[in-house]
């Protein structure tokens, strides 16, 4: 498949995701409350599931939201999900230089959250 066709297919896949418009966080950020809660639940599960983990994880998503716009966060999460679940040709499409740069932005935001919150 030609590189331009791959990029177009990837962009269409990323852009066709439904956008969550309801349940926005009250602080005015563009991260939906459900996305924040999903992050905190997953983070707590890997960090002990206690009150301290709740504090660290909620701090982390706040830092990530301050560094990375929600549309970039959503794209990076989608790429990571596709890398884990899609095999073969489709999985390979989510391991390109374009997707690596999308994930790199999330990695940098998470590193900043790690420094500030843990």
PDB file of N, CA and C in Angstrom:
ATOM      1  N   UNK A   1       0.844  -1.162   0.000  1.00  0.00           N
ATOM      2  CA  UNK A   1       0.000   0.000   0.000  1.00  0.00           C
ATOM      3  C   UNK A   1       0.893   1.230   0.000  1.00  0.00           C
ATOM      4  N   UNK A   2       0.552   2.217  -0.809  1.00  0.00           N
ATOM      5  CA  UNK A   2       1.346   3.428  -0.913  1.00  0.00           C
ATOM      6  C   UNK A   2       1.331   4.189   0.412  1.00  0.00           C
ATOM      7  N   UNK A   3       2.438   4.873   0.736  1.00  0.00           N
ATOM      8  CA  UNK A   3       2.511   5.594   2.012  1.00  0.00           C
ATOM      9  C   UNK A   3       1.390   6.615   2.200  1.00  0.00           C
ATOM     10  N   UNK A   4       1.016   7.316   1.136  1.00  0.00           N
ATOM     11  CA  UNK A   4      -0.038   8.327   1.271  1.00  0.00           C
ATOM     12  C   UNK A   4      -1.385   7.671   1.592  1.00  0.00           C
ATOM     13  N   UNK A   5      -1.629   6.502   1.024  1.00  0.00           N
ATOM     14  CA  UNK A   5      -2.869   5.788   1.302  1.00  0.00           C
ATOM     15  C   UNK A   5      -2.892   5.331   2.760  1.00  0.00           C
ATOM     16  N   UNK A   6      -1.755   4.890   3.244  1.00  0.00           N
ATOM     17  CA  UNK A   6      -1.667   4.496   4.661  1.00  0.00           C
ATOM     18  C   UNK A   6      -1.966   5.666   5.579  1.00  0.00           C
ATOM     19  N   UNK A   7      -1.380   6.813   5.281  1.00  0.00           N
ATOM     20  CA  UNK A   7      -1.590   7.987   6.122  1.00  0.00           C
ATOM     21  C   UNK A   7      -3.050   8.418   6.093  1.00  0.00           C
ATOM     22  N   UNK A   8      -3.649   8.389   4.910  1.00  0.00           N
ATOM     23  CA  UNK A   8      -5.058   8.763   4.800  1.00  0.00           C
ATOM     24  C   UNK A   8      -5.925   7.776   5.574  1.00  0.00           C
ATOM     25  N   UNK A   9      -5.637   6.483   5.446  1.00  0.00           N
ATOM     26  CA  UNK A   9      -6.413   5.477   6.176  1.00  0.00           C
ATOM     27  C   UNK A   9      -6.269   5.666   7.679  1.00  0.00           C
ATOM     28  N   UNK A  10      -5.059   5.949   8.131  1.00  0.00           N
ATOM     29  CA  UNK A  10      -4.821   6.176   9.553  1.00  0.00           C
ATOM     30  C   UNK A  10      -5.558   7.410  10.046  1.00  0.00           C
ATOM     31  N   UNK A  11      -5.462   8.489   9.295  1.00  0.00           N
ATOM     32  CA  UNK A  11      -6.153   9.714   9.697  1.00  0.00           C
ATOM     33  C   UNK A  11      -7.658   9.524   9.718  1.00  0.00           C
ATOM     34  N   UNK A  12      -8.199   8.796   8.745  1.00  0.00           N
ATOM     35  CA  UNK A  12      -9.635   8.524   8.744  1.00  0.00           C
ATOM     36  C   UNK A  12     -10.042   7.704   9.948  1.00  0.00           C
ATOM     37  N   UNK A  13      -9.225   6.731  10.299  1.00  0.00           N
ATOM     38  CA  UNK A  13      -9.533   5.904  11.472  1.00  0.00           C
ATOM     39  C   UNK A  13      -9.522   6.740  12.738  1.00  0.00           C
ATOM     40  N   UNK A  14      -8.538   7.608  12.864  1.00  0.00           N
ATOM     41  CA  UNK A  14      -8.448   8.438  14.061  1.00  0.00           C
ATOM     42  C   UNK A  14      -9.547   9.489  14.113  1.00  0.00           C
ATOM     43  N   UNK A  15      -9.893  10.036  12.958  1.00  0.00           N
ATOM     44  CA  UNK A  15     -10.902  11.093  12.931  1.00  0.00           C
ATOM     45  C   UNK A  15     -12.321  10.559  13.015  1.00  0.00           C
ATOM     46  N   UNK A  16     -12.517   9.292  12.749  1.00  0.00           N
ATOM     47  CA  UNK A  16     -13.867   8.746  12.764  1.00  0.00           C
ATOM     48  C   UNK A  16     -14.317   8.338  14.158  1.00  0.00           C
ATOM     49  N   UNK A  17     -13.450   8.501  15.153  1.00  0.00           N
ATOM     50  CA  UNK A  17     -13.829   8.171  16.523  1.00  0.00           C
ATOM     51  C   UNK A  17     -14.921   9.117  16.990  1.00  0.00           C
ATOM     52  N   UNK A  18     -15.897   8.595  17.696  1.00  0.00           N
ATOM     53  CA  UNK A  18     -16.931   9.500  18.218  1.00  0.00           C
ATOM     54  C   UNK A  18     -16.341  10.399  19.286  1.00  0.00           C
ATOM     55  N   UNK A  19     -16.707  11.636  19.246  1.00  0.00           N
ATOM     56  CA  UNK A  19     -16.226  12.596  20.231  1.00  0.00           C
ATOM     57  C   UNK A  19     -17.245  12.714  21.341  1.00  0.00           C
ATOM     58  N   UNK A  20     -16.764  12.684  22.553  1.00  0.00           N
ATOM     59  CA  UNK A  20     -17.637  12.812  23.703  1.00  0.00           C
ATOM     60  C   UNK A  20     -17.805  14.293  23.996  1.00  0.00           C
ATOM     61  N   UNK A  21     -19.028  14.794  23.855  1.00  0.00           N
ATOM     62  CA  UNK A  21     -19.279  16.202  24.094  1.00  0.00           C
ATOM     63  C   UNK A  21     -19.902  16.462  25.452  1.00  0.00           C
ATOM     64  N   UNK A  22     -20.600  15.487  26.009  1.00  0.00           N
ATOM     65  CA  UNK A  22     -21.216  15.710  27.304  1.00  0.00           C
ATOM     66  C   UNK A  22     -20.263  15.284  28.404  1.00  0.00           C
ATOM     67  N   UNK A  23     -20.537  15.717  29.605  1.00  0.00           N
ATOM     68  CA  UNK A  23     -19.732  15.311  30.745  1.00  0.00           C
ATOM     69  C   UNK A  23     -18.383  15.990  30.793  1.00  0.00           C
ATOM     70  N   UNK A  24     -18.307  17.209  30.351  1.00  0.00           N
ATOM     71  CA  UNK A  24     -17.046  17.946  30.405  1.00  0.00           C
ATOM     72  C   UNK A  24     -16.688  18.270  31.844  1.00  0.00           C
ATOM     73  N   UNK A  25     -15.421  18.363  32.098  1.00  0.00           N
ATOM     74  CA  UNK A  25     -14.975  18.687  33.448  1.00  0.00           C
ATOM     75  C   UNK A  25     -15.391  20.108  33.803  1.00  0.00           C
ATOM     76  N   UNK A  26     -15.692  20.314  35.052  1.00  0.00           N
ATOM     77  CA  UNK A  26     -16.190  21.606  35.509  1.00  0.00           C
ATOM     78  C   UNK A  26     -15.117  22.690  35.506  1.00  0.00           C
ATOM     79  N   UNK A  27     -13.845  22.306  35.423  1.00  0.00           N
ATOM     80  CA  UNK A  27     -12.784  23.303  35.496  1.00  0.00           C
ATOM     81  C   UNK A  27     -12.519  24.010  34.169  1.00  0.00           C
ATOM     82  N   UNK A  28     -13.303  23.719  33.141  1.00  0.00           N
ATOM     83  CA  UNK A  28     -13.162  24.407  31.872  1.00  0.00           C
ATOM     84  C   UNK A  28     -12.207  23.738  30.903  1.00  0.00           C
ATOM     85  N   UNK A  29     -11.527  22.673  31.295  1.00  0.00           N
ATOM     86  CA  UNK A  29     -10.657  21.991  30.347  1.00  0.00           C
ATOM     87  C   UNK A  29     -11.516  21.230  29.349  1.00  0.00           C
ATOM     88  N   UNK A  30     -10.901  20.784  28.287  1.00  0.00           N
ATOM     89  CA  UNK A  30     -11.672  20.069  27.285  1.00  0.00           C
ATOM     90  C   UNK A  30     -11.664  18.560  27.487  1.00  0.00           C
ATOM     91  N   UNK A  31     -11.169  18.084  28.610  1.00  0.00           N
ATOM     92  CA  UNK A  31     -11.181  16.649  28.905  1.00  0.00           C
ATOM     93  C   UNK A  31     -12.539  16.279  29.490  1.00  0.00           C
ATOM     94  N   UNK A  32     -13.250  15.328  28.877  1.00  0.00           N
ATOM     95  CA  UNK A  32     -14.523  14.894  29.462  1.00  0.00           C
ATOM     96  C   UNK A  32     -14.287  14.228  30.818  1.00  0.00           C
ATOM     97  N   UNK A  33     -15.246  14.371  31.692  1.00  0.00           N
ATOM     98  CA  UNK A  33     -15.153  13.773  33.022  1.00  0.00           C
ATOM     99  C   UNK A  33     -14.941  12.264  32.917  1.00  0.00           C
ATOM    100  N   UNK A  34     -15.631  11.619  31.978  1.00  0.00           N
ATOM    101  CA  UNK A  34     -15.496  10.166  31.815  1.00  0.00           C
ATOM    102  C   UNK A  34     -14.063   9.782  31.456  1.00  0.00           C
ATOM    103  N   UNK A  35     -13.389  10.566  30.631  1.00  0.00           N
ATOM    104  CA  UNK A  35     -12.001  10.273  30.259  1.00  0.00           C
ATOM    105  C   UNK A  35     -11.079  10.435  31.461  1.00  0.00           C
ATOM    106  N   UNK A  36     -11.325  11.465  32.255  1.00  0.00           N
ATOM    107  CA  UNK A  36     -10.530  11.658  33.471  1.00  0.00           C
ATOM    108  C   UNK A  36     -10.738  10.494  34.436  1.00  0.00           C
ATOM    109  N   UNK A  37     -11.994  10.095  34.612  1.00  0.00           N
ATOM    110  CA  UNK A  37     -12.302   8.996  35.542  1.00  0.00           C
ATOM    111  C   UNK A  37     -11.676   7.695  35.061  1.00  0.00           C
ATOM    112  N   UNK A  38     -11.759   7.418  33.762  1.00  0.00           N
ATOM    113  CA  UNK A  38     -11.155   6.196  33.214  1.00  0.00           C
ATOM    114  C   UNK A  38      -9.655   6.167  33.489  1.00  0.00           C
ATOM    115  N   UNK A  39      -8.996   7.304  33.294  1.00  0.00           N
ATOM    116  CA  UNK A  39      -7.559   7.380  33.568  1.00  0.00           C
ATOM    117  C   UNK A  39      -7.280   7.108  35.039  1.00  0.00           C
ATOM    118  N   UNK A  40      -8.040   7.762  35.923  1.00  0.00           N
ATOM    119  CA  UNK A  40      -7.797   7.616  37.361  1.00  0.00           C
ATOM    120  C   UNK A  40      -8.032   6.172  37.809  1.00  0.00           C
ATOM    121  N   UNK A  41      -9.109   5.542  37.321  1.00  0.00           N
ATOM    122  CA  UNK A  41      -9.370   4.143  37.702  1.00  0.00           C
ATOM    123  C   UNK A  41      -8.233   3.228  37.264  1.00  0.00           C
ATOM    124  N   UNK A  42      -7.769   3.386  36.024  1.00  0.00           N
ATOM    125  CA  UNK A  42      -6.679   2.546  35.523  1.00  0.00           C
ATOM    126  C   UNK A  42      -5.387   2.819  36.291  1.00  0.00           C
ATOM    127  N   UNK A  43      -5.115   4.072  36.560  1.00  0.00           N
ATOM    128  CA  UNK A  43      -3.915   4.452  37.300  1.00  0.00           C
ATOM    129  C   UNK A  43      -3.956   3.892  38.715  1.00  0.00           C
ATOM    130  N   UNK A  44      -5.110   4.009  39.373  1.00  0.00           N
ATOM    131  CA  UNK A  44      -5.237   3.494  40.735  1.00  0.00           C
ATOM    132  C   UNK A  44      -5.047   1.984  40.783  1.00  0.00           C
ATOM    133  N   UNK A  45      -5.551   1.294  39.775  1.00  0.00           N
ATOM    134  CA  UNK A  45      -5.423  -0.164  39.736  1.00  0.00           C
ATOM    135  C   UNK A  45      -3.966  -0.597  39.697  1.00  0.00           C
ATOM    136  N   UNK A  46      -3.118   0.219  39.075  1.00  0.00           N
ATOM    137  CA  UNK A  46      -1.704  -0.143  38.985  1.00  0.00           C
ATOM    138  C   UNK A  46      -0.857   0.472  40.102  1.00  0.00           C
ATOM    139  N   UNK A  47      -1.483   1.282  40.954  1.00  0.00           N
ATOM    140  CA  UNK A  47      -0.726   1.964  42.008  1.00  0.00           C
ATOM    141  C   UNK A  47      -1.278   1.716  43.405  1.00  0.00           C
ATOM    142  N   UNK A  48      -1.899   0.575  43.620  1.00  0.00           N
ATOM    143  CA  UNK A  48      -2.307   0.196  44.962  1.00  0.00           C
ATOM    144  C   UNK A  48      -3.770   0.362  45.298  1.00  0.00           C
ATOM    145  N   UNK A  49      -4.496   1.161  44.531  1.00  0.00           N
ATOM    146  CA  UNK A  49      -5.926   1.306  44.747  1.00  0.00           C
ATOM    147  C   UNK A  49      -6.315   1.915  46.085  1.00  0.00           C
ATOM    148  N   UNK A  50      -5.461   2.726  46.666  1.00  0.00           N
ATOM    149  CA  UNK A  50      -5.752   3.322  47.963  1.00  0.00           C
ATOM    150  C   UNK A  50      -5.927   4.840  47.837  1.00  0.00           C
ATOM    151  N   UNK A  51      -6.125   5.499  48.959  1.00  0.00           N
ATOM    152  CA  UNK A  51      -6.346   6.949  48.958  1.00  0.00           C
ATOM    153  C   UNK A  51      -5.144   7.709  48.384  1.00  0.00           C
ATOM    154  N   UNK A  52      -3.955   7.261  48.716  1.00  0.00           N
ATOM    155  CA  UNK A  52      -2.752   7.912  48.180  1.00  0.00           C
ATOM    156  C   UNK A  52      -2.709   7.793  46.658  1.00  0.00           C
ATOM    157  N   UNK A  53      -3.077   6.619  46.138  1.00  0.00           N
ATOM    158  CA  UNK A  53      -3.110   6.431  44.688  1.00  0.00           C
ATOM    159  C   UNK A  53      -4.141   7.353  44.050  1.00  0.00           C
ATOM    160  N   UNK A  54      -5.282   7.512  44.696  1.00  0.00           N
ATOM    161  CA  UNK A  54      -6.309   8.427  44.187  1.00  0.00           C
ATOM    162  C   UNK A  54      -5.750   9.837  44.059  1.00  0.00           C
ATOM    163  N   UNK A  55      -5.061  10.298  45.074  1.00  0.00           N
ATOM    164  CA  UNK A  55      -4.487  11.644  45.055  1.00  0.00           C
ATOM    165  C   UNK A  55      -3.439  11.786  43.947  1.00  0.00           C
ATOM    166  N   UNK A  56      -2.535  10.811  43.845  1.00  0.00           N
ATOM    167  CA  UNK A  56      -1.484  10.860  42.825  1.00  0.00           C
ATOM    168  C   UNK A  56      -2.069  10.786  41.412  1.00  0.00           C
ATOM    169  N   UNK A  57      -3.024   9.891  41.227  1.00  0.00           N
ATOM    170  CA  UNK A  57      -3.583   9.666  39.889  1.00  0.00           C
ATOM    171  C   UNK A  57      -4.450  10.835  39.430  1.00  0.00           C
ATOM    172  N   UNK A  58      -5.220  11.420  40.334  1.00  0.00           N
ATOM    173  CA  UNK A  58      -6.030  12.574  39.942  1.00  0.00           C
ATOM    174  C   UNK A  58      -5.127  13.776  39.654  1.00  0.00           C
ATOM    175  N   UNK A  59      -4.045  13.902  40.381  1.00  0.00           N
ATOM    176  CA  UNK A  59      -3.053  14.931  40.070  1.00  0.00           C
ATOM    177  C   UNK A  59      -2.462  14.692  38.680  1.00  0.00           C
ATOM    178  N   UNK A  60      -2.148  13.438  38.381  1.00  0.00           N
ATOM    179  CA  UNK A  60      -1.518  13.097  37.101  1.00  0.00           C
ATOM    180  C   UNK A  60      -2.398  13.473  35.918  1.00  0.00           C
ATOM    181  N   UNK A  61      -3.693  13.158  35.984  1.00  0.00           N
ATOM    182  CA  UNK A  61      -4.553  13.500  34.836  1.00  0.00           C
ATOM    183  C   UNK A  61      -4.719  15.005  34.720  1.00  0.00           C
ATOM    184  N   UNK A  62      -4.692  15.713  35.838  1.00  0.00           N
ATOM    185  CA  UNK A  62      -4.751  17.178  35.775  1.00  0.00           C
ATOM    186  C   UNK A  62      -3.517  17.742  35.082  1.00  0.00           C
ATOM    187  N   UNK A  63      -2.354  17.183  35.388  1.00  0.00           N
ATOM    188  CA  UNK A  63      -1.119  17.638  34.741  1.00  0.00           C
ATOM    189  C   UNK A  63      -1.156  17.298  33.253  1.00  0.00           C
ATOM    190  N   UNK A  64      -1.553  16.086  32.928  1.00  0.00           N
ATOM    191  CA  UNK A  64      -1.629  15.689  31.521  1.00  0.00           C
ATOM    192  C   UNK A  64      -2.577  16.619  30.770  1.00  0.00           C
ATOM    193  N   UNK A  65      -3.721  16.926  31.363  1.00  0.00           N
ATOM    194  CA  UNK A  65      -4.694  17.814  30.717  1.00  0.00           C
ATOM    195  C   UNK A  65      -4.143  19.225  30.538  1.00  0.00           C
ATOM    196  N   UNK A  66      -3.261  19.648  31.428  1.00  0.00           N
ATOM    197  CA  UNK A  66      -2.691  20.987  31.299  1.00  0.00           C
ATOM    198  C   UNK A  66      -1.604  21.050  30.229  1.00  0.00           C
ATOM    199  N   UNK A  67      -1.038  19.896  29.885  1.00  0.00           N
ATOM    200  CA  UNK A  67       0.072  19.842  28.934  1.00  0.00           C
ATOM    201  C   UNK A  67      -0.374  19.413  27.535  1.00  0.00           C
ATOM    202  N   UNK A  68      -1.374  18.548  27.456  1.00  0.00           N
ATOM    203  CA  UNK A  68      -1.756  17.912  26.199  1.00  0.00           C
ATOM    204  C   UNK A  68      -3.239  18.139  25.925  1.00  0.00           C
ATOM    205  N   UNK A  69      -3.589  18.754  24.793  1.00  0.00           N
ATOM    206  CA  UNK A  69      -5.004  18.930  24.467  1.00  0.00           C
ATOM    207  C   UNK A  69      -5.712  17.575  24.346  1.00  0.00           C
ATOM    208  N   UNK A  70      -7.009  17.567  24.648  1.00  0.00           N
ATOM    209  CA  UNK A  70      -7.747  16.309  24.682  1.00  0.00           C
ATOM    210  C   UNK A  70      -7.736  15.588  23.346  1.00  0.00           C
ATOM    211  N   UNK A  71      -7.828  16.302  22.240  1.00  0.00           N
ATOM    212  CA  UNK A  71      -7.840  15.604  20.946  1.00  0.00           C
ATOM    213  C   UNK A  71      -6.546  14.827  20.721  1.00  0.00           C
ATOM    214  N   UNK A  72      -5.412  15.355  21.161  1.00  0.00           N
ATOM    215  CA  UNK A  72      -4.147  14.629  21.035  1.00  0.00           C
ATOM    216  C   UNK A  72      -4.094  13.449  22.008  1.00  0.00           C
ATOM    217  N   UNK A  73      -4.626  13.640  23.208  1.00  0.00           N
ATOM    218  CA  UNK A  73      -4.693  12.559  24.190  1.00  0.00           C
ATOM    219  C   UNK A  73      -5.533  11.406  23.639  1.00  0.00           C
ATOM    220  N   UNK A  74      -6.677  11.738  23.081  1.00  0.00           N
ATOM    221  CA  UNK A  74      -7.591  10.730  22.543  1.00  0.00           C
ATOM    222  C   UNK A  74      -6.949   9.966  21.383  1.00  0.00           C
ATOM    223  N   UNK A  75      -6.263  10.662  20.507  1.00  0.00           N
ATOM    224  CA  UNK A  75      -5.585   9.998  19.390  1.00  0.00           C
ATOM    225  C   UNK A  75      -4.486   9.060  19.889  1.00  0.00           C
ATOM    226  N   UNK A  76      -3.708   9.516  20.858  1.00  0.00           N
ATOM    227  CA  UNK A  76      -2.624   8.679  21.389  1.00  0.00           C
ATOM    228  C   UNK A  76      -3.188   7.441  22.080  1.00  0.00           C
ATOM    229  N   UNK A  77      -4.245   7.606  22.855  1.00  0.00           N
ATOM    230  CA  UNK A  77      -4.881   6.458  23.504  1.00  0.00           C
ATOM    231  C   UNK A  77      -5.416   5.474  22.468  1.00  0.00           C
ATOM    232  N   UNK A  78      -5.968   5.985  21.390  1.00  0.00           N
ATOM    233  CA  UNK A  78      -6.478   5.117  20.322  1.00  0.00           C
ATOM    234  C   UNK A  78      -5.337   4.342  19.676  1.00  0.00           C
ATOM    235  N   UNK A  79      -4.235   5.009  19.390  1.00  0.00           N
ATOM    236  CA  UNK A  79      -3.078   4.339  18.799  1.00  0.00           C
ATOM    237  C   UNK A  79      -2.585   3.236  19.727  1.00  0.00           C
ATOM    238  N   UNK A  80      -2.466   3.548  21.009  1.00  0.00           N
ATOM    239  CA  UNK A  80      -1.990   2.536  21.965  1.00  0.00           C
ATOM    240  C   UNK A  80      -2.946   1.351  22.047  1.00  0.00           C
ATOM    241  N   UNK A  81      -4.248   1.611  22.040  1.00  0.00           N
ATOM    242  CA  UNK A  81      -5.232   0.522  22.059  1.00  0.00           C
ATOM    243  C   UNK A  81      -5.120  -0.342  20.804  1.00  0.00           C
ATOM    244  N   UNK A  82      -4.950   0.301  19.673  1.00  0.00           N
ATOM    245  CA  UNK A  82      -4.839  -0.446  18.418  1.00  0.00           C
ATOM    246  C   UNK A  82      -3.542  -1.247  18.373  1.00  0.00           C
ATOM    247  N   UNK A  83      -2.493  -0.732  18.927  1.00  0.00           N
ATOM    248  CA  UNK A  83      -1.235  -1.485  18.975  1.00  0.00           C
ATOM    249  C   UNK A  83      -1.387  -2.743  19.815  1.00  0.00           C
ATOM    250  N   UNK A  84      -2.170  -2.643  20.888  1.00  0.00           N
ATOM    251  CA  UNK A  84      -2.364  -3.806  21.760  1.00  0.00           C
ATOM    252  C   UNK A  84      -3.328  -4.820  21.169  1.00  0.00           C
ATOM    253  N   UNK A  85      -4.353  -4.362  20.464  1.00  0.00           N
ATOM    254  CA  UNK A  85      -5.418  -5.287  20.077  1.00  0.00           C
ATOM    255  C   UNK A  85      -5.429  -5.679  18.606  1.00  0.00           C
ATOM    256  N   UNK A  86      -4.901  -4.862  17.735  1.00  0.00           N
ATOM    257  CA  UNK A  86      -4.962  -5.160  16.304  1.00  0.00           C
ATOM    258  C   UNK A  86      -3.702  -5.903  15.884  1.00  0.00           C
ATOM    259  N   UNK A  87      -3.883  -6.948  15.163  1.00  0.00           N
ATOM    260  CA  UNK A  87      -2.746  -7.710  14.669  1.00  0.00           C
ATOM    261  C   UNK A  87      -2.559  -7.521  13.179  1.00  0.00           C
ATOM    262  N   UNK A  88      -1.536  -8.099  12.671  1.00  0.00           N
ATOM    263  CA  UNK A  88      -1.288  -8.108  11.240  1.00  0.00           C
ATOM    264  C   UNK A  88      -1.117  -6.731  10.639  1.00  0.00           C
ATOM    265  N   UNK A  89      -1.707  -6.564   9.456  1.00  0.00           N
ATOM    266  CA  UNK A  89      -1.561  -5.327   8.693  1.00  0.00           C
ATOM    267  C   UNK A  89      -2.080  -4.119   9.470  1.00  0.00           C
ATOM    268  N   UNK A  90      -3.258  -4.240  10.057  1.00  0.00           N
ATOM    269  CA  UNK A  90      -3.846  -3.105  10.766  1.00  0.00           C
ATOM    270  C   UNK A  90      -2.975  -2.713  11.961  1.00  0.00           C
ATOM    271  N   UNK A  91      -2.507  -3.672  12.701  1.00  0.00           N
ATOM    272  CA  UNK A  91      -1.631  -3.377  13.823  1.00  0.00           C
ATOM    273  C   UNK A  91      -0.356  -2.683  13.386  1.00  0.00           C
ATOM    274  N   UNK A  92       0.168  -3.087  12.263  1.00  0.00           N
ATOM    275  CA  UNK A  92       1.394  -2.485  11.738  1.00  0.00           C
ATOM    276  C   UNK A  92       1.176  -1.025  11.359  1.00  0.00           C
ATOM    277  N   UNK A  93      -0.015  -0.679  10.908  1.00  0.00           N
ATOM    278  CA  UNK A  93      -0.315   0.704  10.543  1.00  0.00           C
ATOM    279  C   UNK A  93      -0.208   1.639  11.745  1.00  0.00           C
ATOM    280  N   UNK A  94      -0.370   1.104  12.931  1.00  0.00           N
ATOM    281  CA  UNK A  94      -0.315   1.909  14.141  1.00  0.00           C
ATOM    282  C   UNK A  94       1.068   1.868  14.786  1.00  0.00           C
ATOM    283  N   UNK A  95       2.067   1.488  14.010  1.00  0.00           N
ATOM    284  CA  UNK A  95       3.453   1.498  14.470  1.00  0.00           C
ATOM    285  C   UNK A  95       4.338   2.289  13.509  1.00  0.00           C
ATOM    286  N   UNK A  96       3.769   3.297  12.884  1.00  0.00           N
ATOM    287  CA  UNK A  96       4.487   4.109  11.909  1.00  0.00           C
ATOM    288  C   UNK A  96       5.128   5.322  12.587  1.00  0.00           C
ATOM    289  N   UNK A  97       5.912   6.059  11.830  1.00  0.00           N
ATOM    290  CA  UNK A  97       6.544   7.270  12.360  1.00  0.00           C
ATOM    291  C   UNK A  97       5.489   8.288  12.784  1.00  0.00           C
ATOM    292  N   UNK A  98       4.409   8.398  12.038  1.00  0.00           N
ATOM    293  CA  UNK A  98       3.336   9.328  12.383  1.00  0.00           C
ATOM    294  C   UNK A  98       2.714   8.962  13.726  1.00  0.00           C
ATOM    295  N   UNK A  99       2.389   7.702  13.919  1.00  0.00           N
ATOM    296  CA  UNK A  99       1.772   7.296  15.181  1.00  0.00           C
ATOM    297  C   UNK A  99       2.763   7.347  16.332  1.00  0.00           C
ATOM    298  N   UNK A 100       4.037   7.107  16.035  1.00  0.00           N
ATOM    299  CA  UNK A 100       5.053   7.215  17.084  1.00  0.00           C
ATOM    300  C   UNK A 100       5.124   8.640  17.632  1.00  0.00           C
ATOM    301  N   UNK A 101       5.000   9.638  16.757  1.00  0.00           N
ATOM    302  CA  UNK A 101       5.036  11.026  17.228  1.00  0.00           C
ATOM    303  C   UNK A 101       3.780  11.363  18.025  1.00  0.00           C
ATOM    304  N   UNK A 102       2.649  10.773  17.678  1.00  0.00           N
ATOM    305  CA  UNK A 102       1.413  10.988  18.437  1.00  0.00           C
ATOM    306  C   UNK A 102       1.575  10.436  19.850  1.00  0.00           C
ATOM    307  N   UNK A 103       2.116   9.241  19.958  1.00  0.00           N
ATOM    308  CA  UNK A 103       2.305   8.595  21.257  1.00  0.00           C
ATOM    309  C   UNK A 103       3.402   9.306  22.059  1.00  0.00           C
ATOM    310  N   UNK A 104       4.406   9.826  21.389  1.00  0.00           N
ATOM    311  CA  UNK A 104       5.501  10.524  22.075  1.00  0.00           C
ATOM    312  C   UNK A 104       4.968  11.722  22.870  1.00  0.00           C
ATOM    313  N   UNK A 105       4.009  12.452  22.308  1.00  0.00           N
ATOM    314  CA  UNK A 105       3.428  13.586  23.024  1.00  0.00           C
ATOM    315  C   UNK A 105       2.766  13.136  24.330  1.00  0.00           C
ATOM    316  N   UNK A 106       2.057  12.020  24.289  1.00  0.00           N
ATOM    317  CA  UNK A 106       1.427  11.486  25.497  1.00  0.00           C
ATOM    318  C   UNK A 106       2.491  11.014  26.486  1.00  0.00           C
ATOM    319  N   UNK A 107       3.524  10.355  25.993  1.00  0.00           N
ATOM    320  CA  UNK A 107       4.608   9.892  26.869  1.00  0.00           C
ATOM    321  C   UNK A 107       5.250  11.064  27.614  1.00  0.00           C
ATOM    322  N   UNK A 108       5.457  12.174  26.900  1.00  0.00           N
ATOM    323  CA  UNK A 108       6.064  13.343  27.521  1.00  0.00           C
ATOM    324  C   UNK A 108       5.136  13.948  28.578  1.00  0.00           C
ATOM    325  N   UNK A 109       3.838  13.993  28.290  1.00  0.00           N
ATOM    326  CA  UNK A 109       2.875  14.511  29.262  1.00  0.00           C
ATOM    327  C   UNK A 109       2.819  13.613  30.492  1.00  0.00           C
ATOM    328  N   UNK A 110       2.864  12.300  30.285  1.00  0.00           N
ATOM    329  CA  UNK A 110       2.845  11.373  31.407  1.00  0.00           C
ATOM    330  C   UNK A 110       4.136  11.475  32.233  1.00  0.00           C
ATOM    331  N   UNK A 111       5.250  11.709  31.588  1.00  0.00           N
ATOM    332  CA  UNK A 111       6.513  11.885  32.319  1.00  0.00           C
ATOM    333  C   UNK A 111       6.448  13.135  33.188  1.00  0.00           C
ATOM    334  N   UNK A 112       5.880  14.196  32.662  1.00  0.00           N
ATOM    335  CA  UNK A 112       5.705  15.424  33.444  1.00  0.00           C
ATOM    336  C   UNK A 112       4.794  15.170  34.643  1.00  0.00           C
ATOM    337  N   UNK A 113       3.714  14.411  34.429  1.00  0.00           N
ATOM    338  CA  UNK A 113       2.802  14.071  35.522  1.00  0.00           C
ATOM    339  C   UNK A 113       3.504  13.219  36.575  1.00  0.00           C
ATOM    340  N   UNK A 114       4.342  12.311  36.141  1.00  0.00           N
ATOM    341  CA  UNK A 114       5.096  11.452  37.061  1.00  0.00           C
ATOM    342  C   UNK A 114       6.005  12.291  37.963  1.00  0.00           C
ATOM    343  N   UNK A 115       6.664  13.265  37.364  1.00  0.00           N
ATOM    344  CA  UNK A 115       7.566  14.133  38.129  1.00  0.00           C
ATOM    345  C   UNK A 115       6.788  14.978  39.134  1.00  0.00           C
ATOM    346  N   UNK A 116       5.676  15.535  38.715  1.00  0.00           N
ATOM    347  CA  UNK A 116       4.934  16.450  39.584  1.00  0.00           C
ATOM    348  C   UNK A 116       4.081  15.746  40.648  1.00  0.00           C
ATOM    349  N   UNK A 117       3.629  14.533  40.372  1.00  0.00           N
ATOM    350  CA  UNK A 117       2.592  13.932  41.222  1.00  0.00           C
ATOM    351  C   UNK A 117       3.022  12.708  42.013  1.00  0.00           C
ATOM    352  N   UNK A 118       4.093  12.043  41.627  1.00  0.00           N
ATOM    353  CA  UNK A 118       4.444  10.797  42.312  1.00  0.00           C
ATOM    354  C   UNK A 118       5.733  10.910  43.081  1.00  0.00           C
TER     355      UNK A 118
END
